Each structure stands twice: as structure tokens, then as C-alpha cells.
């Protein structure tokens, strides 16, 4: 009597390994804000400045607020200098945007 044995081997494929790569990236961001000073307008007929907030200011430069004056590199603004206005001088000492 002859016995024949047949062995069948079945191998399941192993799953492929998962590779995770971490890359660190350093980013430098520079934010630039451009503010344009608007000229003060003379609305009076006699040539005097009728804008109460800009009295004491010289020239035709007008800063809407202290952020605009700082962005233009003009802060602090002193009475008699271009761009000075009472609306920029909250403590009334003759120097606008001298706080903060």
C-alpha cells in the first residue's frame, strides 16, 4: 500500500508597513499695513480751518487716529507739527499719540 500525502501551504500576505514622516516647517510671516494720510480740507470761505479737531496742526497732513499716525512714523505728534489734531491728544498736553 502506498500512501501519498500532499501538503498545501497557504500563506496570507502580510500587510505593508505604514510609514509616517513628520516634517517641521518654520514659516516667518511679515505683515505690512499701508496707511495713507488724507489731507485736511478747508471748507470755510475765509481760508481758516473749520475742522475743530485739527486746530494747532500745521500743514495739510491729517491723521484719522493714532494708529494712522504711528503707521506713518509720525507719532507722537506735537502741537504745531503737521498732522497734529486735538482728536489725537486725549490728555490735552499738546502732544498727540503719546500714550500706549
C-alpha atoms as a PDB file:
ATOM      1  CA  UNK A   1       0.000   0.000   0.000  1.00  0.00           C
ATOM      2  CA  UNK A   2       1.339   3.376  -0.928  1.00  0.00           C
ATOM      3  CA  UNK A   3       0.304   6.500   0.894  1.00  0.00           C
ATOM      4  CA  UNK A   4       0.736   9.814  -0.774  1.00  0.00           C
ATOM      5  CA  UNK A   5       0.452  12.850   1.354  1.00  0.00           C
ATOM      6  CA  UNK A   6       0.058  16.233  -0.234  1.00  0.00           C
ATOM      7  CA  UNK A   7       0.628  19.268   1.863  1.00  0.00           C
ATOM      8  CA  UNK A   8      -0.787  22.545   0.714  1.00  0.00           C
ATOM      9  CA  UNK A   9       0.552  25.586   2.375  1.00  0.00           C
ATOM     10  CA  UNK A  10      -1.303  28.812   2.018  1.00  0.00           C
ATOM     11  CA  UNK A  11       0.337  31.929   3.249  1.00  0.00           C
ATOM     12  CA  UNK A  12      -1.553  35.158   3.646  1.00  0.00           C
ATOM     13  CA  UNK A  13       0.484  38.156   2.594  1.00  0.00           C
ATOM     14  CA  UNK A  14       1.489  40.384   5.432  1.00  0.00           C
ATOM     15  CA  UNK A  15       0.146  43.931   5.271  1.00  0.00           C
ATOM     16  CA  UNK A  16       2.625  46.520   4.096  1.00  0.00           C
ATOM     17  CA  UNK A  17       4.125  48.542   6.915  1.00  0.00           C
ATOM     18  CA  UNK A  18       2.777  52.073   7.443  1.00  0.00           C
ATOM     19  CA  UNK A  19       5.429  54.753   7.424  1.00  0.00           C
ATOM     20  CA  UNK A  20       4.647  58.155   8.902  1.00  0.00           C
ATOM     21  CA  UNK A  21       7.026  61.027   8.295  1.00  0.00           C
ATOM     22  CA  UNK A  22       6.814  64.245  10.289  1.00  0.00           C
ATOM     23  CA  UNK A  23       8.226  67.341   8.688  1.00  0.00           C
ATOM     24  CA  UNK A  24       8.639  70.536  10.696  1.00  0.00           C
ATOM     25  CA  UNK A  25       8.468  73.728   8.697  1.00  0.00           C
ATOM     26  CA  UNK A  26       9.277  77.144  10.122  1.00  0.00           C
ATOM     27  CA  UNK A  27       7.468  79.996   8.420  1.00  0.00           C
ATOM     28  CA  UNK A  28       8.173  83.664   9.015  1.00  0.00           C
ATOM     29  CA  UNK A  29       5.300  85.991   8.214  1.00  0.00           C
ATOM     30  CA  UNK A  30       5.694  89.723   7.868  1.00  0.00           C
ATOM     31  CA  UNK A  31       2.540  91.809   7.882  1.00  0.00           C
ATOM     32  CA  UNK A  32       2.686  95.233   6.316  1.00  0.00           C
ATOM     33  CA  UNK A  33      -0.100  97.743   6.730  1.00  0.00           C
ATOM     34  CA  UNK A  34      -0.181 100.757   4.470  1.00  0.00           C
ATOM     35  CA  UNK A  35      -1.951 103.834   5.762  1.00  0.00           C
ATOM     36  CA  UNK A  36      -2.293 106.935   3.654  1.00  0.00           C
ATOM     37  CA  UNK A  37      -2.663 110.249   5.409  1.00  0.00           C
ATOM     38  CA  UNK A  38      -5.537 112.214   3.949  1.00  0.00           C
ATOM     39  CA  UNK A  39      -5.062 115.951   3.528  1.00  0.00           C
ATOM     40  CA  UNK A  40      -7.212 118.215   5.632  1.00  0.00           C
ATOM     41  CA  UNK A  41      -9.757 120.121   3.592  1.00  0.00           C
ATOM     42  CA  UNK A  42     -10.607 123.767   4.058  1.00  0.00           C
ATOM     43  CA  UNK A  43     -14.380 124.066   3.999  1.00  0.00           C
ATOM     44  CA  UNK A  44     -14.556 127.656   5.192  1.00  0.00           C
ATOM     45  CA  UNK A  45     -14.848 130.707   2.955  1.00  0.00           C
ATOM     46  CA  UNK A  46     -12.238 132.779   4.835  1.00  0.00           C
ATOM     47  CA  UNK A  47      -9.449 130.234   4.468  1.00  0.00           C
ATOM     48  CA  UNK A  48      -9.339 129.371   8.161  1.00  0.00           C
ATOM     49  CA  UNK A  49      -9.514 125.735   9.154  1.00  0.00           C
ATOM     50  CA  UNK A  50     -13.045 124.979  10.250  1.00  0.00           C
ATOM     51  CA  UNK A  51     -12.172 121.476  11.463  1.00  0.00           C
ATOM     52  CA  UNK A  52     -12.155 121.874  15.259  1.00  0.00           C
ATOM     53  CA  UNK A  53     -10.175 118.665  15.789  1.00  0.00           C
ATOM     54  CA  UNK A  54      -7.148 119.794  13.838  1.00  0.00           C
ATOM     55  CA  UNK A  55      -6.554 123.169  15.440  1.00  0.00           C
ATOM     56  CA  UNK A  56      -2.942 123.739  16.286  1.00  0.00           C
ATOM     57  CA  UNK A  57      -1.808 121.476  13.474  1.00  0.00           C
ATOM     58  CA  UNK A  58       0.455 122.697  10.761  1.00  0.00           C
ATOM     59  CA  UNK A  59       0.435 121.809   7.098  1.00  0.00           C
ATOM     60  CA  UNK A  60      -2.033 119.712   5.186  1.00  0.00           C
ATOM     61  CA  UNK A  61      -1.364 116.330   6.829  1.00  0.00           C
ATOM     62  CA  UNK A  62      -4.281 114.719   8.628  1.00  0.00           C
ATOM     63  CA  UNK A  63      -4.209 111.524  10.686  1.00  0.00           C
ATOM     64  CA  UNK A  64      -7.600 109.980  11.358  1.00  0.00           C
ATOM     65  CA  UNK A  65      -6.305 108.306  14.514  1.00  0.00           C
ATOM     66  CA  UNK A  66      -3.110 107.434  16.375  1.00  0.00           C
ATOM     67  CA  UNK A  67      -2.773 104.115  14.557  1.00  0.00           C
ATOM     68  CA  UNK A  68      -2.519 106.049  11.286  1.00  0.00           C
ATOM     69  CA  UNK A  69      -0.005 108.487  12.792  1.00  0.00           C
ATOM     70  CA  UNK A  70       2.113 105.609  14.130  1.00  0.00           C
ATOM     71  CA  UNK A  71       1.951 103.769  10.797  1.00  0.00           C
ATOM     72  CA  UNK A  72       3.235 106.906   9.078  1.00  0.00           C
ATOM     73  CA  UNK A  73       6.058 107.161  11.640  1.00  0.00           C
ATOM     74  CA  UNK A  74       4.743 110.495  12.919  1.00  0.00           C
ATOM     75  CA  UNK A  75       3.715 109.618  16.486  1.00  0.00           C
ATOM     76  CA  UNK A  76       3.956 111.348  18.840  1.00  0.00           C
ATOM     77  CA  UNK A  77       2.664 114.453  17.084  1.00  0.00           C
ATOM     78  CA  UNK A  78       3.250 117.804  18.797  1.00  0.00           C
ATOM     79  CA  UNK A  79       1.057 120.899  18.558  1.00  0.00           C
ATOM     80  CA  UNK A  80       2.172 122.985  15.589  1.00  0.00           C
ATOM     81  CA  UNK A  81       3.578 119.997  13.702  1.00  0.00           C
ATOM     82  CA  UNK A  82       1.949 118.681  10.512  1.00  0.00           C
ATOM     83  CA  UNK A  83      -0.795 116.209  11.377  1.00  0.00           C
ATOM     84  CA  UNK A  84      -1.376 117.309  14.973  1.00  0.00           C
ATOM     85  CA  UNK A  85      -5.034 117.431  15.980  1.00  0.00           C
ATOM     86  CA  UNK A  86      -6.875 117.662  19.280  1.00  0.00           C
ATOM     87  CA  UNK A  87      -8.556 114.347  18.482  1.00  0.00           C
ATOM     88  CA  UNK A  88      -5.081 112.760  18.788  1.00  0.00           C
ATOM     89  CA  UNK A  89      -4.281 114.491  22.103  1.00  0.00           C
ATOM     90  CA  UNK A  90      -6.593 112.875  24.630  1.00  0.00           C
ATOM     91  CA  UNK A  91      -4.916 114.418  27.687  1.00  0.00           C
ATOM     92  CA  UNK A  92      -4.686 117.914  26.157  1.00  0.00           C
ATOM     93  CA  UNK A  93      -0.964 118.395  26.842  1.00  0.00           C
ATOM     94  CA  UNK A  94      -0.064 119.456  23.301  1.00  0.00           C
ATOM     95  CA  UNK A  95       1.340 116.055  22.317  1.00  0.00           C
ATOM     96  CA  UNK A  96      -0.870 113.685  20.376  1.00  0.00           C
ATOM     97  CA  UNK A  97      -0.465 109.896  20.380  1.00  0.00           C
ATOM     98  CA  UNK A  98       1.983 109.984  23.292  1.00  0.00           C
ATOM     99  CA  UNK A  99       0.305 107.098  25.124  1.00  0.00           C
ATOM    100  CA  UNK A 100       0.017 103.389  24.552  1.00  0.00           C
END
